[in-house]
Amino acid sequence: MIITFDEISARIRKAARRRGGDLVLTADSDLSELGLSSLEIADLVYGLEDSLDIVLDPAQAANVRTVGDLVALANAAAEQRA
């Protein structure tokens, strides 16, 4: 299974819309600058695990800084699951 940038960015946009934001995202977009709290980012990460049936390494998840980092981490977890 390949998890795409579009899948991840759609989830981030959905989370941001709850706060009234409309985002333009790139792989280099910094998660801390998207207006999401650390709790919302954690919720996003755990939501990805549940919906995609993957397990993200907590230590690596804590080091995710950009949308591209999150896509790479999700794909690494999907590869391990396969």
N, C-alpha and C. Protein backbone atom coordinates (compact mmCIF):
# COMPACT_ATOMS: atom_id res chain seq x y z
N MET A 1 0.84 -1.17 0.00
CA MET A 1 0.00 0.00 0.00
C MET A 1 0.89 1.24 0.00
N ILE A 2 0.58 2.17 -0.88
CA ILE A 2 1.30 3.44 -0.91
C ILE A 2 0.35 4.52 -0.39
N ILE A 3 0.83 5.27 0.56
CA ILE A 3 0.05 6.36 1.14
C ILE A 3 0.54 7.64 0.48
N THR A 4 -0.35 8.35 -0.15
CA THR A 4 0.06 9.50 -0.95
C THR A 4 0.05 10.81 -0.16
N PHE A 5 0.76 11.76 -0.72
CA PHE A 5 0.76 13.12 -0.16
C PHE A 5 -0.66 13.65 -0.12
N ASP A 6 -1.44 13.39 -1.17
CA ASP A 6 -2.81 13.89 -1.23
C ASP A 6 -3.67 13.33 -0.09
N GLU A 7 -3.49 12.05 0.24
CA GLU A 7 -4.25 11.46 1.34
C GLU A 7 -3.93 12.15 2.66
N ILE A 8 -2.65 12.32 2.91
CA ILE A 8 -2.22 12.94 4.17
C ILE A 8 -2.64 14.41 4.21
N SER A 9 -2.42 15.13 3.12
CA SER A 9 -2.75 16.56 3.12
C SER A 9 -4.26 16.78 3.25
N ALA A 10 -5.08 15.89 2.71
CA ALA A 10 -6.53 16.01 2.87
C ALA A 10 -6.91 15.91 4.34
N ARG A 11 -6.26 15.02 5.06
CA ARG A 11 -6.55 14.87 6.49
C ARG A 11 -6.09 16.10 7.28
N ILE A 12 -4.97 16.65 6.88
CA ILE A 12 -4.48 17.86 7.55
C ILE A 12 -5.42 19.03 7.27
N ARG A 13 -5.86 19.17 6.03
CA ARG A 13 -6.80 20.25 5.69
C ARG A 13 -8.10 20.11 6.47
N LYS A 14 -8.57 18.88 6.61
CA LYS A 14 -9.80 18.64 7.37
C LYS A 14 -9.62 19.08 8.82
N ALA A 15 -8.50 18.74 9.41
CA ALA A 15 -8.23 19.15 10.80
C ALA A 15 -8.13 20.67 10.91
N ALA A 16 -7.52 21.30 9.93
CA ALA A 16 -7.36 22.76 9.95
C ALA A 16 -8.69 23.47 9.75
N ARG A 17 -9.57 22.89 8.94
CA ARG A 17 -10.88 23.51 8.70
C ARG A 17 -11.70 23.61 9.96
N ARG A 18 -11.51 22.65 10.86
CA ARG A 18 -12.23 22.72 12.14
C ARG A 18 -11.86 23.98 12.89
N ARG A 19 -10.69 24.53 12.58
CA ARG A 19 -10.24 25.77 13.22
C ARG A 19 -10.49 26.97 12.34
N GLY A 20 -11.11 26.75 11.19
CA GLY A 20 -11.41 27.86 10.29
C GLY A 20 -10.31 28.17 9.30
N GLY A 21 -9.35 27.27 9.14
CA GLY A 21 -8.25 27.52 8.21
C GLY A 21 -8.46 26.82 6.88
N ASP A 22 -7.90 27.38 5.83
CA ASP A 22 -7.88 26.76 4.51
C ASP A 22 -6.43 26.78 4.05
N LEU A 23 -5.82 25.62 3.94
CA LEU A 23 -4.38 25.53 3.74
C LEU A 23 -3.97 25.19 2.32
N VAL A 24 -2.84 25.72 1.93
CA VAL A 24 -2.13 25.28 0.74
C VAL A 24 -0.90 24.56 1.28
N LEU A 25 -0.80 23.27 0.98
CA LEU A 25 0.26 22.45 1.56
C LEU A 25 1.25 21.99 0.51
N THR A 26 2.50 21.88 0.94
CA THR A 26 3.55 21.23 0.16
C THR A 26 4.20 20.20 1.06
N ALA A 27 5.07 19.39 0.51
CA ALA A 27 5.78 18.40 1.32
C ALA A 27 6.63 19.08 2.38
N ASP A 28 7.05 20.32 2.12
CA ASP A 28 7.89 21.05 3.07
C ASP A 28 7.11 21.87 4.09
N SER A 29 5.78 21.84 4.03
CA SER A 29 4.98 22.60 4.99
C SER A 29 5.26 22.09 6.39
N ASP A 30 5.59 23.02 7.27
CA ASP A 30 5.92 22.69 8.66
C ASP A 30 4.63 22.52 9.45
N LEU A 31 4.46 21.35 10.06
CA LEU A 31 3.24 21.07 10.81
C LEU A 31 3.02 22.07 11.94
N SER A 32 4.09 22.55 12.54
CA SER A 32 3.93 23.47 13.66
C SER A 32 3.45 24.85 13.22
N GLU A 33 3.53 25.13 11.93
CA GLU A 33 3.11 26.43 11.41
C GLU A 33 1.73 26.40 10.76
N LEU A 34 1.02 25.29 10.90
CA LEU A 34 -0.27 25.14 10.24
C LEU A 34 -1.45 25.56 11.11
N GLY A 35 -1.17 26.05 12.30
CA GLY A 35 -2.25 26.47 13.18
C GLY A 35 -2.87 25.33 13.96
N LEU A 36 -2.25 24.16 13.92
CA LEU A 36 -2.75 23.01 14.68
C LEU A 36 -1.98 22.90 15.99
N SER A 37 -2.69 22.59 17.03
CA SER A 37 -2.03 22.39 18.32
C SER A 37 -1.31 21.05 18.31
N SER A 38 -0.43 20.85 19.27
CA SER A 38 0.27 19.56 19.36
C SER A 38 -0.72 18.43 19.59
N LEU A 39 -1.79 18.70 20.31
CA LEU A 39 -2.82 17.69 20.53
C LEU A 39 -3.53 17.34 19.21
N GLU A 40 -3.81 18.35 18.39
CA GLU A 40 -4.44 18.10 17.10
C GLU A 40 -3.51 17.32 16.17
N ILE A 41 -2.23 17.61 16.22
CA ILE A 41 -1.26 16.87 15.41
C ILE A 41 -1.20 15.42 15.88
N ALA A 42 -1.18 15.20 17.19
CA ALA A 42 -1.18 13.84 17.73
C ALA A 42 -2.45 13.11 17.31
N ASP A 43 -3.59 13.79 17.36
CA ASP A 43 -4.86 13.20 16.94
C ASP A 43 -4.80 12.82 15.46
N LEU A 44 -4.19 13.65 14.66
CA LEU A 44 -4.02 13.37 13.24
C LEU A 44 -3.18 12.11 13.04
N VAL A 45 -2.08 12.01 13.75
CA VAL A 45 -1.19 10.85 13.65
C VAL A 45 -1.92 9.58 14.06
N TYR A 46 -2.62 9.62 15.20
CA TYR A 46 -3.32 8.42 15.66
C TYR A 46 -4.50 8.08 14.75
N GLY A 47 -5.13 9.09 14.18
CA GLY A 47 -6.20 8.85 13.23
C GLY A 47 -5.69 8.15 11.98
N LEU A 48 -4.49 8.52 11.54
CA LEU A 48 -3.88 7.85 10.40
C LEU A 48 -3.65 6.37 10.71
N GLU A 49 -3.15 6.11 11.90
CA GLU A 49 -2.92 4.71 12.29
C GLU A 49 -4.21 3.91 12.21
N ASP A 50 -5.27 4.45 12.79
CA ASP A 50 -6.54 3.73 12.81
C ASP A 50 -7.12 3.52 11.42
N SER A 51 -7.19 4.59 10.64
CA SER A 51 -7.87 4.49 9.35
C SER A 51 -7.06 3.74 8.31
N LEU A 52 -5.74 3.77 8.41
CA LEU A 52 -4.90 3.10 7.43
C LEU A 52 -4.38 1.75 7.92
N ASP A 53 -4.75 1.40 9.14
CA ASP A 53 -4.33 0.13 9.75
C ASP A 53 -2.82 -0.03 9.72
N ILE A 54 -2.14 1.01 10.22
CA ILE A 54 -0.69 0.99 10.34
C ILE A 54 -0.32 1.36 11.77
N VAL A 55 0.93 1.10 12.12
CA VAL A 55 1.44 1.49 13.43
C VAL A 55 2.67 2.36 13.20
N LEU A 56 2.59 3.60 13.65
CA LEU A 56 3.71 4.53 13.50
C LEU A 56 4.60 4.43 14.72
N ASP A 57 5.90 4.39 14.50
CA ASP A 57 6.86 4.35 15.59
C ASP A 57 6.74 5.64 16.40
N PRO A 58 6.44 5.55 17.71
CA PRO A 58 6.23 6.77 18.51
C PRO A 58 7.44 7.70 18.53
N ALA A 59 8.64 7.14 18.58
CA ALA A 59 9.85 7.98 18.61
C ALA A 59 10.00 8.73 17.29
N GLN A 60 9.74 8.04 16.20
CA GLN A 60 9.84 8.69 14.89
C GLN A 60 8.70 9.68 14.70
N ALA A 61 7.51 9.35 15.17
CA ALA A 61 6.37 10.26 15.04
C ALA A 61 6.62 11.56 15.80
N ALA A 62 7.31 11.47 16.91
CA ALA A 62 7.62 12.67 17.70
C ALA A 62 8.57 13.60 16.95
N ASN A 63 9.32 13.06 16.00
CA ASN A 63 10.28 13.86 15.24
C ASN A 63 9.74 14.37 13.90
N VAL A 64 8.49 14.07 13.60
CA VAL A 64 7.88 14.53 12.35
C VAL A 64 7.73 16.05 12.41
N ARG A 65 8.25 16.73 11.40
CA ARG A 65 8.19 18.20 11.36
C ARG A 65 7.38 18.72 10.18
N THR A 66 7.41 17.99 9.06
CA THR A 66 6.76 18.48 7.85
C THR A 66 5.72 17.47 7.35
N VAL A 67 4.90 17.93 6.43
CA VAL A 67 3.93 17.04 5.81
C VAL A 67 4.66 15.89 5.11
N GLY A 68 5.74 16.19 4.44
CA GLY A 68 6.53 15.16 3.77
C GLY A 68 7.08 14.12 4.74
N ASP A 69 7.51 14.59 5.93
CA ASP A 69 7.98 13.66 6.96
C ASP A 69 6.87 12.69 7.35
N LEU A 70 5.65 13.21 7.49
CA LEU A 70 4.52 12.38 7.90
C LEU A 70 4.17 11.38 6.80
N VAL A 71 4.22 11.80 5.56
CA VAL A 71 3.96 10.89 4.44
C VAL A 71 5.01 9.77 4.42
N ALA A 72 6.28 10.13 4.59
CA ALA A 72 7.36 9.14 4.59
C ALA A 72 7.20 8.16 5.74
N LEU A 73 6.86 8.67 6.92
CA LEU A 73 6.69 7.80 8.09
C LEU A 73 5.51 6.85 7.88
N ALA A 74 4.41 7.35 7.34
CA ALA A 74 3.24 6.51 7.09
C ALA A 74 3.57 5.43 6.07
N ASN A 75 4.32 5.78 5.04
CA ASN A 75 4.70 4.78 4.03
C ASN A 75 5.66 3.74 4.58
N ALA A 76 6.57 4.16 5.45
CA ALA A 76 7.49 3.20 6.08
C ALA A 76 6.69 2.21 6.93
N ALA A 77 5.70 2.71 7.64
CA ALA A 77 4.86 1.83 8.47
C ALA A 77 4.03 0.89 7.60
N ALA A 78 3.54 1.39 6.47
CA ALA A 78 2.76 0.55 5.56
C ALA A 78 3.62 -0.55 4.95
N GLU A 79 4.88 -0.22 4.64
CA GLU A 79 5.80 -1.23 4.09
C GLU A 79 6.08 -2.32 5.11
N GLN A 80 6.23 -1.95 6.37
CA GLN A 80 6.48 -2.95 7.42
C GLN A 80 5.27 -3.86 7.60
N ARG A 81 4.10 -3.31 7.38
CA ARG A 81 2.87 -4.07 7.55
C ARG A 81 2.67 -5.07 6.42
N ALA A 82 3.17 -4.73 5.23
CA ALA A 82 2.94 -5.57 4.04
C ALA A 82 3.65 -6.90 4.12
